[in-house]
Amino acid sequence: MIFIAGPCVIESAELLDAVAERLTAINRRLGVEFVFKASFDKANRTSLRSFRGPGIDKGLRMLADVRSKWGLRLLTDIHEAWQAEPAGQVVDVLQIPAFLCRQTDLLVAAAKTGKTVNIKKAQFLSGADMRYPYEKARESGASEIWLTERGNSFGYNNLVVDFRNIPDMLAIAPTVVMDCTHSVQRPGAGDGTTGGNREFVPAMARAAKAFGANGFFFEVHPDPDRAKSDGPNMLRLDDLEKVVESLL
């Protein structure tokens, strides 16, 4: 199984080190391998006043430091096609945000780097619809493509997960990741921020495994209530190991 974990956004070098240290320890104790995830820019925040991150230049340097110190593989998301090349020089996996999974130029640019491309399913698409983003990346030369389930829009300010999307996407790609934390979001439900229900994260992970998911994505933070992005749906770093054990 593939495990992806890290803070939503790069807040500080200290946060990256704290999370990377814990992931390395879990790797050692449980015999798994985490891909470290953090975003250098959150370009799709609810409010103009929301924290976005350090930007691509500083952010990629900070991610490179994580690899140097802790030896972890890296994942970050990109929002514009020009970001693919510099990000691909640093990270192992380029992630396409859900809202942008139909952006042809973005998918093509990510694929041309030769890095693994993780395409998150849009909140308005079915699992079967992900055939087309997958084909765009594959036909543009991507060596490895993952598809990620993260829930569907369910009325206003709510998401629901149709777990049938997982086997539908496994018919397209060999690796399907369950985004266990973004799937419990309440988009725009927090007075200018996104809300969420982190208490459902462990159950989301176990249900996804029952439907065949072979990858699991967790945004984690030592103190989610103080996180600068996605705090309400993030898993507490101290709770991550227990959830991974339940999946193993």
C-alpha atoms as a PDB file:
ATOM      1  CA  MET A   1       0.000   0.000   0.000  1.00  0.00           C
ATOM      2  CA  ILE A   2       1.022   3.579  -0.659  1.00  0.00           C
ATOM      3  CA  PHE A   3       0.848   6.033   2.232  1.00  0.00           C
ATOM      4  CA  ILE A   4       0.962   9.801   1.698  1.00  0.00           C
ATOM      5  CA  ALA A   5       1.041  12.186   4.644  1.00  0.00           C
ATOM      6  CA  GLY A   6       2.103  15.676   5.610  1.00  0.00           C
ATOM      7  CA  PRO A   7       0.802  19.136   6.391  1.00  0.00           C
ATOM      8  CA  CYS A   8      -1.625  20.818   4.029  1.00  0.00           C
ATOM      9  CA  VAL A   9       0.658  23.769   3.404  1.00  0.00           C
ATOM     10  CA  ILE A  10       4.268  24.603   4.254  1.00  0.00           C
ATOM     11  CA  GLU A  11       3.943  26.770   7.355  1.00  0.00           C
ATOM     12  CA  SER A  12       7.539  26.609   8.615  1.00  0.00           C
ATOM     13  CA  ALA A  13      10.695  24.508   8.480  1.00  0.00           C
ATOM     14  CA  GLU A  14      10.010  23.473  12.082  1.00  0.00           C
ATOM     15  CA  LEU A  15       6.617  22.027  11.145  1.00  0.00           C
ATOM     16  CA  LEU A  16       8.077  20.103   8.212  1.00  0.00           C
ATOM     17  CA  ASP A  17      10.778  18.623  10.436  1.00  0.00           C
ATOM     18  CA  ALA A  18       8.317  17.649  13.167  1.00  0.00           C
ATOM     19  CA  VAL A  19       6.081  15.800  10.721  1.00  0.00           C
ATOM     20  CA  ALA A  20       8.967  14.233   8.780  1.00  0.00           C
ATOM     21  CA  GLU A  21      10.548  12.956  11.983  1.00  0.00           C
ATOM     22  CA  ARG A  22       7.302  11.253  13.004  1.00  0.00           C
ATOM     23  CA  LEU A  23       6.751   9.728   9.550  1.00  0.00           C
ATOM     24  CA  THR A  24      10.286   8.357   9.554  1.00  0.00           C
ATOM     25  CA  ALA A  25       9.690   6.774  12.963  1.00  0.00           C
ATOM     26  CA  ILE A  26       6.414   5.189  11.799  1.00  0.00           C
ATOM     27  CA  ASN A  27       8.145   3.899   8.680  1.00  0.00           C
ATOM     28  CA  ARG A  28      10.725   2.223  10.870  1.00  0.00           C
ATOM     29  CA  ARG A  29       8.271   0.711  13.369  1.00  0.00           C
ATOM     30  CA  LEU A  30       5.640  -0.529  10.921  1.00  0.00           C
ATOM     31  CA  GLY A  31       7.765  -1.305   7.874  1.00  0.00           C
ATOM     32  CA  VAL A  32       5.847   1.037   5.584  1.00  0.00           C
ATOM     33  CA  GLU A  33       6.983   3.952   3.440  1.00  0.00           C
ATOM     34  CA  PHE A  34       5.358   7.361   3.574  1.00  0.00           C
ATOM     35  CA  VAL A  35       5.524   9.856   0.750  1.00  0.00           C
ATOM     36  CA  PHE A  36       5.848  13.270   2.394  1.00  0.00           C
ATOM     37  CA  LYS A  37       3.251  15.787   1.197  1.00  0.00           C
ATOM     38  CA  ALA A  38       3.220  19.561   1.593  1.00  0.00           C
ATOM     39  CA  SER A  39       2.104  22.417  -0.666  1.00  0.00           C
ATOM     40  CA  PHE A  40       4.278  25.422  -1.485  1.00  0.00           C
ATOM     41  CA  ASP A  41       1.174  27.376  -2.523  1.00  0.00           C
ATOM     42  CA  LYS A  42      -2.506  26.842  -1.854  1.00  0.00           C
ATOM     43  CA  ALA A  43      -3.965  28.698  -4.807  1.00  0.00           C
ATOM     44  CA  ASN A  44      -7.582  27.666  -4.193  1.00  0.00           C
ATOM     45  CA  ARG A  45      -8.217  28.989  -0.681  1.00  0.00           C
ATOM     46  CA  THR A  46     -11.723  30.172   0.197  1.00  0.00           C
ATOM     47  CA  SER A  47     -10.736  33.742   1.039  1.00  0.00           C
ATOM     48  CA  LEU A  48      -8.205  36.189  -0.373  1.00  0.00           C
ATOM     49  CA  ARG A  49      -7.005  36.678   3.213  1.00  0.00           C
ATOM     50  CA  SER A  50      -6.216  32.990   3.732  1.00  0.00           C
ATOM     51  CA  PHE A  51      -2.599  31.837   4.143  1.00  0.00           C
ATOM     52  CA  ARG A  52      -1.217  30.405   0.907  1.00  0.00           C
ATOM     53  CA  GLY A  53       2.330  29.306   1.713  1.00  0.00           C
ATOM     54  CA  PRO A  54       5.899  30.437   1.009  1.00  0.00           C
ATOM     55  CA  GLY A  55       5.704  30.259  -2.783  1.00  0.00           C
ATOM     56  CA  ILE A  56       7.422  27.973  -5.251  1.00  0.00           C
ATOM     57  CA  ASP A  57      11.080  29.007  -4.875  1.00  0.00           C
ATOM     58  CA  LYS A  58      11.308  28.964  -1.093  1.00  0.00           C
ATOM     59  CA  GLY A  59       8.847  26.103  -0.806  1.00  0.00           C
ATOM     60  CA  LEU A  60      10.806  23.788  -3.085  1.00  0.00           C
ATOM     61  CA  ARG A  61      14.012  24.573  -1.188  1.00  0.00           C
ATOM     62  CA  MET A  62      12.268  23.621   2.054  1.00  0.00           C
ATOM     63  CA  LEU A  63      10.979  20.373   0.543  1.00  0.00           C
ATOM     64  CA  ALA A  64      14.469  19.552  -0.733  1.00  0.00           C
ATOM     65  CA  ASP A  65      15.715  20.000   2.842  1.00  0.00           C
ATOM     66  CA  VAL A  66      13.168  17.422   4.028  1.00  0.00           C
ATOM     67  CA  ARG A  67      14.541  14.896   1.561  1.00  0.00           C
ATOM     68  CA  SER A  68      18.118  15.700   2.555  1.00  0.00           C
ATOM     69  CA  LYS A  69      17.466  15.366   6.296  1.00  0.00           C
ATOM     70  CA  TRP A  70      14.977  12.508   6.390  1.00  0.00           C
ATOM     71  CA  GLY A  71      15.327  10.597   3.104  1.00  0.00           C
ATOM     72  CA  LEU A  72      11.601  10.723   2.378  1.00  0.00           C
ATOM     73  CA  ARG A  73      10.047  10.729  -1.074  1.00  0.00           C
ATOM     74  CA  LEU A  74       8.160  13.952  -1.775  1.00  0.00           C
ATOM     75  CA  LEU A  75       4.792  14.999  -3.208  1.00  0.00           C
ATOM     76  CA  THR A  76       3.503  18.490  -3.897  1.00  0.00           C
ATOM     77  CA  ASP A  77       0.684  19.918  -5.953  1.00  0.00           C
ATOM     78  CA  ILE A  78       0.922  22.301  -8.866  1.00  0.00           C
ATOM     79  CA  HIS A  79      -1.698  24.728 -10.130  1.00  0.00           C
ATOM     80  CA  GLU A  80      -0.160  26.081 -13.335  1.00  0.00           C
ATOM     81  CA  ALA A  81       1.630  24.298 -16.161  1.00  0.00           C
ATOM     82  CA  TRP A  82       4.877  26.281 -15.768  1.00  0.00           C
ATOM     83  CA  GLN A  83       5.253  24.973 -12.207  1.00  0.00           C
ATOM     84  CA  ALA A  84       5.627  21.355 -13.350  1.00  0.00           C
ATOM     85  CA  GLU A  85       9.252  21.541 -14.504  1.00  0.00           C
ATOM     86  CA  PRO A  86      10.797  23.212 -11.414  1.00  0.00           C
ATOM     87  CA  ALA A  87       8.667  21.144  -9.028  1.00  0.00           C
ATOM     88  CA  GLY A  88       9.545  17.967 -10.906  1.00  0.00           C
ATOM     89  CA  GLN A  89      13.237  18.650 -10.313  1.00  0.00           C
ATOM     90  CA  VAL A  90      12.641  18.364  -6.554  1.00  0.00           C
ATOM     91  CA  VAL A  91       9.705  16.025  -5.859  1.00  0.00           C
ATOM     92  CA  ASP A  92       8.861  12.458  -6.813  1.00  0.00           C
ATOM     93  CA  VAL A  93       5.114  12.905  -7.304  1.00  0.00           C
ATOM     94  CA  LEU A  94       3.310  15.847  -8.894  1.00  0.00           C
ATOM     95  CA  GLN A  95      -0.267  16.155  -7.724  1.00  0.00           C
ATOM     96  CA  ILE A  96      -3.065  17.669  -9.799  1.00  0.00           C
ATOM     97  CA  PRO A  97      -5.692  19.336  -7.575  1.00  0.00           C
ATOM     98  CA  ALA A  98      -9.244  18.081  -7.888  1.00  0.00           C
ATOM     99  CA  PHE A  99     -10.641  21.348  -9.237  1.00  0.00           C
ATOM    100  CA  LEU A 100      -8.007  21.247 -12.008  1.00  0.00           C
ATOM    101  CA  CYS A 101      -8.062  17.598 -13.057  1.00  0.00           C
ATOM    102  CA  ARG A 102      -9.511  18.443 -16.490  1.00  0.00           C
ATOM    103  CA  GLN A 103      -6.895  21.138 -17.241  1.00  0.00           C
ATOM    104  CA  THR A 104      -5.183  19.626 -20.266  1.00  0.00           C
ATOM    105  CA  ASP A 105      -2.064  21.824 -20.269  1.00  0.00           C
ATOM    106  CA  LEU A 106      -1.460  21.106 -16.569  1.00  0.00           C
ATOM    107  CA  LEU A 107      -1.752  17.335 -17.036  1.00  0.00           C
ATOM    108  CA  VAL A 108       0.496  17.366 -20.098  1.00  0.00           C
ATOM    109  CA  ALA A 109       3.169  19.454 -18.368  1.00  0.00           C
ATOM    110  CA  ALA A 110       3.164  17.171 -15.318  1.00  0.00           C
ATOM    111  CA  ALA A 111       3.397  14.053 -17.478  1.00  0.00           C
ATOM    112  CA  LYS A 112       6.339  15.396 -19.461  1.00  0.00           C
ATOM    113  CA  THR A 113       8.491  15.685 -16.323  1.00  0.00           C
ATOM    114  CA  GLY A 114       8.694  11.902 -16.093  1.00  0.00           C
ATOM    115  CA  LYS A 115       7.552  12.000 -12.486  1.00  0.00           C
ATOM    116  CA  THR A 116       4.616  10.085 -11.032  1.00  0.00           C
ATOM    117  CA  VAL A 117       1.404  12.075 -11.518  1.00  0.00           C
ATOM    118  CA  ASN A 118      -1.324  11.849  -8.883  1.00  0.00           C
ATOM    119  CA  ILE A 119      -4.636  13.120 -10.286  1.00  0.00           C
ATOM    120  CA  LYS A 120      -7.298  13.921  -7.718  1.00  0.00           C
ATOM    121  CA  LYS A 121     -10.862  13.265  -8.838  1.00  0.00           C
ATOM    122  CA  ALA A 122     -12.935  16.423  -9.104  1.00  0.00           C
ATOM    123  CA  GLN A 123     -15.862  16.831  -6.734  1.00  0.00           C
ATOM    124  CA  PHE A 124     -18.150  16.969  -9.771  1.00  0.00           C
ATOM    125  CA  LEU A 125     -16.913  13.829 -11.591  1.00  0.00           C
ATOM    126  CA  SER A 126     -17.597  10.125 -11.254  1.00  0.00           C
ATOM    127  CA  GLY A 127     -14.844   7.569 -10.923  1.00  0.00           C
ATOM    128  CA  ALA A 128     -15.470   6.391 -14.489  1.00  0.00           C
ATOM    129  CA  ASP A 129     -15.022   9.972 -15.740  1.00  0.00           C
ATOM    130  CA  MET A 130     -11.385   9.847 -14.587  1.00  0.00           C
ATOM    131  CA  ARG A 131     -10.580   7.785 -17.665  1.00  0.00           C
ATOM    132  CA  TYR A 132     -10.084  11.000 -19.596  1.00  0.00           C
ATOM    133  CA  PRO A 133      -7.633  12.826 -17.288  1.00  0.00           C
ATOM    134  CA  TYR A 134      -5.762   9.519 -16.995  1.00  0.00           C
ATOM    135  CA  GLU A 135      -5.535   9.178 -20.781  1.00  0.00           C
ATOM    136  CA  LYS A 136      -4.319  12.756 -21.152  1.00  0.00           C
ATOM    137  CA  ALA A 137      -1.435  12.070 -18.752  1.00  0.00           C
ATOM    138  CA  ARG A 138      -0.639   8.629 -20.158  1.00  0.00           C
ATOM    139  CA  GLU A 139      -0.628   9.764 -23.776  1.00  0.00           C
ATOM    140  CA  SER A 140       1.641  12.682 -22.787  1.00  0.00           C
ATOM    141  CA  GLY A 141       4.276  10.303 -21.486  1.00  0.00           C
ATOM    142  CA  ALA A 142       3.620   9.883 -17.759  1.00  0.00           C
ATOM    143  CA  SER A 143       5.513   6.872 -16.453  1.00  0.00           C
ATOM    144  CA  GLU A 144       3.171   6.240 -13.515  1.00  0.00           C
ATOM    145  CA  ILE A 145      -0.283   7.666 -12.782  1.00  0.00           C
ATOM    146  CA  TRP A 146      -2.290   7.477  -9.561  1.00  0.00           C
ATOM    147  CA  LEU A 147      -5.958   8.427  -9.226  1.00  0.00           C
ATOM    148  CA  THR A 148      -7.289   9.796  -5.947  1.00  0.00           C
ATOM    149  CA  GLU A 149     -10.820   9.733  -4.544  1.00  0.00           C
ATOM    150  CA  ARG A 150     -11.784  12.756  -2.425  1.00  0.00           C
ATOM    151  CA  GLY A 151     -15.580  12.834  -2.347  1.00  0.00           C
ATOM    152  CA  ASN A 152     -18.306  14.483  -4.394  1.00  0.00           C
ATOM    153  CA  SER A 153     -20.255  17.680  -3.840  1.00  0.00           C
ATOM    154  CA  PHE A 154     -23.470  16.938  -1.972  1.00  0.00           C
ATOM    155  CA  GLY A 155     -25.591  20.051  -1.914  1.00  0.00           C
ATOM    156  CA  TYR A 156     -23.930  23.130  -0.474  1.00  0.00           C
ATOM    157  CA  ASN A 157     -20.957  22.991   1.939  1.00  0.00           C
ATOM    158  CA  ASN A 158     -20.860  19.228   2.044  1.00  0.00           C
ATOM    159  CA  LEU A 159     -19.184  16.212   0.451  1.00  0.00           C
ATOM    160  CA  VAL A 160     -20.175  12.581   0.307  1.00  0.00           C
ATOM    161  CA  VAL A 161     -17.992   9.635  -0.714  1.00  0.00           C
ATOM    162  CA  ASP A 162     -19.412   7.114  -3.166  1.00  0.00           C
ATOM    163  CA  PHE A 163     -17.018   4.233  -2.555  1.00  0.00           C
ATOM    164  CA  ARG A 164     -18.044   2.623  -5.860  1.00  0.00           C
ATOM    165  CA  ASN A 165     -15.720   5.183  -7.432  1.00  0.00           C
ATOM    166  CA  ILE A 166     -12.734   3.215  -6.109  1.00  0.00           C
ATOM    167  CA  PRO A 167     -13.304  -0.008  -8.108  1.00  0.00           C
ATOM    168  CA  ASP A 168     -14.381   2.128 -11.066  1.00  0.00           C
ATOM    169  CA  MET A 169     -11.018   3.915 -10.984  1.00  0.00           C
ATOM    170  CA  LEU A 170      -9.117   0.660 -10.395  1.00  0.00           C
ATOM    171  CA  ALA A 171     -10.465  -0.400 -13.791  1.00  0.00           C
ATOM    172  CA  ILE A 172      -8.573   2.605 -15.209  1.00  0.00           C
ATOM    173  CA  ALA A 173      -5.396   2.836 -13.109  1.00  0.00           C
ATOM    174  CA  PRO A 174      -3.540   0.237 -11.017  1.00  0.00           C
ATOM    175  CA  THR A 175      -3.151   2.645  -8.088  1.00  0.00           C
ATOM    176  CA  VAL A 176      -6.157   4.335  -6.476  1.00  0.00           C
ATOM    177  CA  VAL A 177      -5.573   6.496  -3.429  1.00  0.00           C
ATOM    178  CA  MET A 178      -8.205   7.416  -0.854  1.00  0.00           C
ATOM    179  CA  ASP A 179      -7.831  10.988   0.349  1.00  0.00           C
ATOM    180  CA  CYS A 180      -9.089  10.272   3.840  1.00  0.00           C
ATOM    181  CA  THR A 181      -8.906  13.860   5.101  1.00  0.00           C
ATOM    182  CA  HIS A 182     -10.132  16.024   2.229  1.00  0.00           C
ATOM    183  CA  SER A 183     -13.125  13.703   1.882  1.00  0.00           C
ATOM    184  CA  VAL A 184     -14.411  14.846   5.302  1.00  0.00           C
ATOM    185  CA  GLN A 185     -14.255  18.539   4.399  1.00  0.00           C
ATOM    186  CA  ARG A 186     -17.203  20.896   4.609  1.00  0.00           C
ATOM    187  CA  PRO A 187     -16.222  23.260   1.768  1.00  0.00           C
ATOM    188  CA  GLY A 188     -16.742  26.918   2.526  1.00  0.00           C
ATOM    189  CA  ALA A 189     -18.691  26.085   5.678  1.00  0.00           C
ATOM    190  CA  GLY A 190     -16.446  27.950   8.123  1.00  0.00           C
ATOM    191  CA  ASP A 191     -17.258  31.658   7.581  1.00  0.00           C
ATOM    192  CA  GLY A 192     -14.594  32.223   4.938  1.00  0.00           C
ATOM    193  CA  THR A 193     -12.750  28.960   5.566  1.00  0.00           C
ATOM    194  CA  THR A 194     -13.399  25.277   4.916  1.00  0.00           C
ATOM    195  CA  GLY A 195     -14.831  23.218   7.741  1.00  0.00           C
ATOM    196  CA  GLY A 196     -14.576  19.493   8.306  1.00  0.00           C
ATOM    197  CA  ASN A 197     -15.168  16.459  10.513  1.00  0.00           C
ATOM    198  CA  ARG A 198     -11.835  14.824  11.298  1.00  0.00           C
ATOM    199  CA  GLU A 199     -13.471  12.224  13.551  1.00  0.00           C
ATOM    200  CA  PHE A 200     -14.570  10.329  10.431  1.00  0.00           C
ATOM    201  CA  VAL A 201     -11.060  10.005   8.938  1.00  0.00           C
ATOM    202  CA  PRO A 202     -10.237   6.510  10.334  1.00  0.00           C
ATOM    203  CA  ALA A 203     -13.548   5.090   9.121  1.00  0.00           C
ATOM    204  CA  MET A 204     -13.064   6.642   5.674  1.00  0.00           C
ATOM    205  CA  ALA A 205      -9.714   4.885   5.422  1.00  0.00           C
ATOM    206  CA  ARG A 206     -11.023   1.476   6.454  1.00  0.00           C
ATOM    207  CA  ALA A 207     -14.077   1.695   4.190  1.00  0.00           C
ATOM    208  CA  ALA A 208     -11.867   2.632   1.243  1.00  0.00           C
ATOM    209  CA  LYS A 209      -9.647  -0.376   1.887  1.00  0.00           C
ATOM    210  CA  ALA A 210     -12.725  -2.609   1.855  1.00  0.00           C
ATOM    211  CA  PHE A 211     -13.528  -1.273  -1.621  1.00  0.00           C
ATOM    212  CA  GLY A 212     -10.001  -1.988  -2.870  1.00  0.00           C
ATOM    213  CA  ALA A 213      -8.062   1.251  -2.387  1.00  0.00           C
ATOM    214  CA  ASN A 214      -4.319   0.584  -2.355  1.00  0.00           C
ATOM    215  CA  GLY A 215      -3.168   4.057  -1.375  1.00  0.00           C
ATOM    216  CA  PHE A 216      -4.096   6.328   1.536  1.00  0.00           C
ATOM    217  CA  PHE A 217      -3.615  10.077   1.856  1.00  0.00           C
ATOM    218  CA  PHE A 218      -3.670  11.893   5.200  1.00  0.00           C
ATOM    219  CA  GLU A 219      -3.060  15.544   5.908  1.00  0.00           C
ATOM    220  CA  VAL A 220      -1.600  15.675   9.402  1.00  0.00           C
ATOM    221  CA  HIS A 221      -0.548  18.367  11.857  1.00  0.00           C
ATOM    222  CA  PRO A 222       0.712  18.350  15.467  1.00  0.00           C
ATOM    223  CA  ASP A 223      -2.087  20.775  16.384  1.00  0.00           C
ATOM    224  CA  PRO A 224      -4.755  20.855  13.652  1.00  0.00           C
ATOM    225  CA  ASP A 225      -6.806  23.509  15.433  1.00  0.00           C
ATOM    226  CA  ARG A 226      -3.897  25.917  14.889  1.00  0.00           C
ATOM    227  CA  ALA A 227      -3.122  24.841  11.327  1.00  0.00           C
ATOM    228  CA  LYS A 228      -3.112  27.613   8.722  1.00  0.00           C
ATOM    229  CA  SER A 229      -5.028  25.531   6.181  1.00  0.00           C
ATOM    230  CA  ASP A 230      -7.569  22.690   6.379  1.00  0.00           C
ATOM    231  CA  GLY A 231      -7.322  22.304  10.143  1.00  0.00           C
ATOM    232  CA  PRO A 232     -10.869  20.996  10.757  1.00  0.00           C
ATOM    233  CA  ASN A 233     -10.385  17.980   8.478  1.00  0.00           C
ATOM    234  CA  MET A 234      -6.738  17.210   9.293  1.00  0.00           C
ATOM    235  CA  LEU A 235      -5.715  14.201  11.363  1.00  0.00           C
ATOM    236  CA  ARG A 236      -3.729  14.821  14.531  1.00  0.00           C
ATOM    237  CA  LEU A 237      -0.154  13.692  13.973  1.00  0.00           C
ATOM    238  CA  ASP A 238      -0.286  11.661  17.193  1.00  0.00           C
ATOM    239  CA  ASP A 239      -3.231   9.642  15.805  1.00  0.00           C
ATOM    240  CA  LEU A 240      -1.665   8.710  12.469  1.00  0.00           C
ATOM    241  CA  GLU A 241       0.197   5.573  13.533  1.00  0.00           C
ATOM    242  CA  LYS A 242      -2.905   3.967  15.018  1.00  0.00           C
ATOM    243  CA  VAL A 243      -4.862   4.552  11.794  1.00  0.00           C
ATOM    244  CA  VAL A 244      -2.067   3.081   9.669  1.00  0.00           C
ATOM    245  CA  GLU A 245      -1.887   0.041  11.962  1.00  0.00           C
ATOM    246  CA  SER A 246      -5.628  -0.534  11.470  1.00  0.00           C
ATOM    247  CA  LEU A 247      -5.096  -0.577   7.698  1.00  0.00           C
ATOM    248  CA  LEU A 248      -2.181  -3.003   7.917  1.00  0.00           C
END
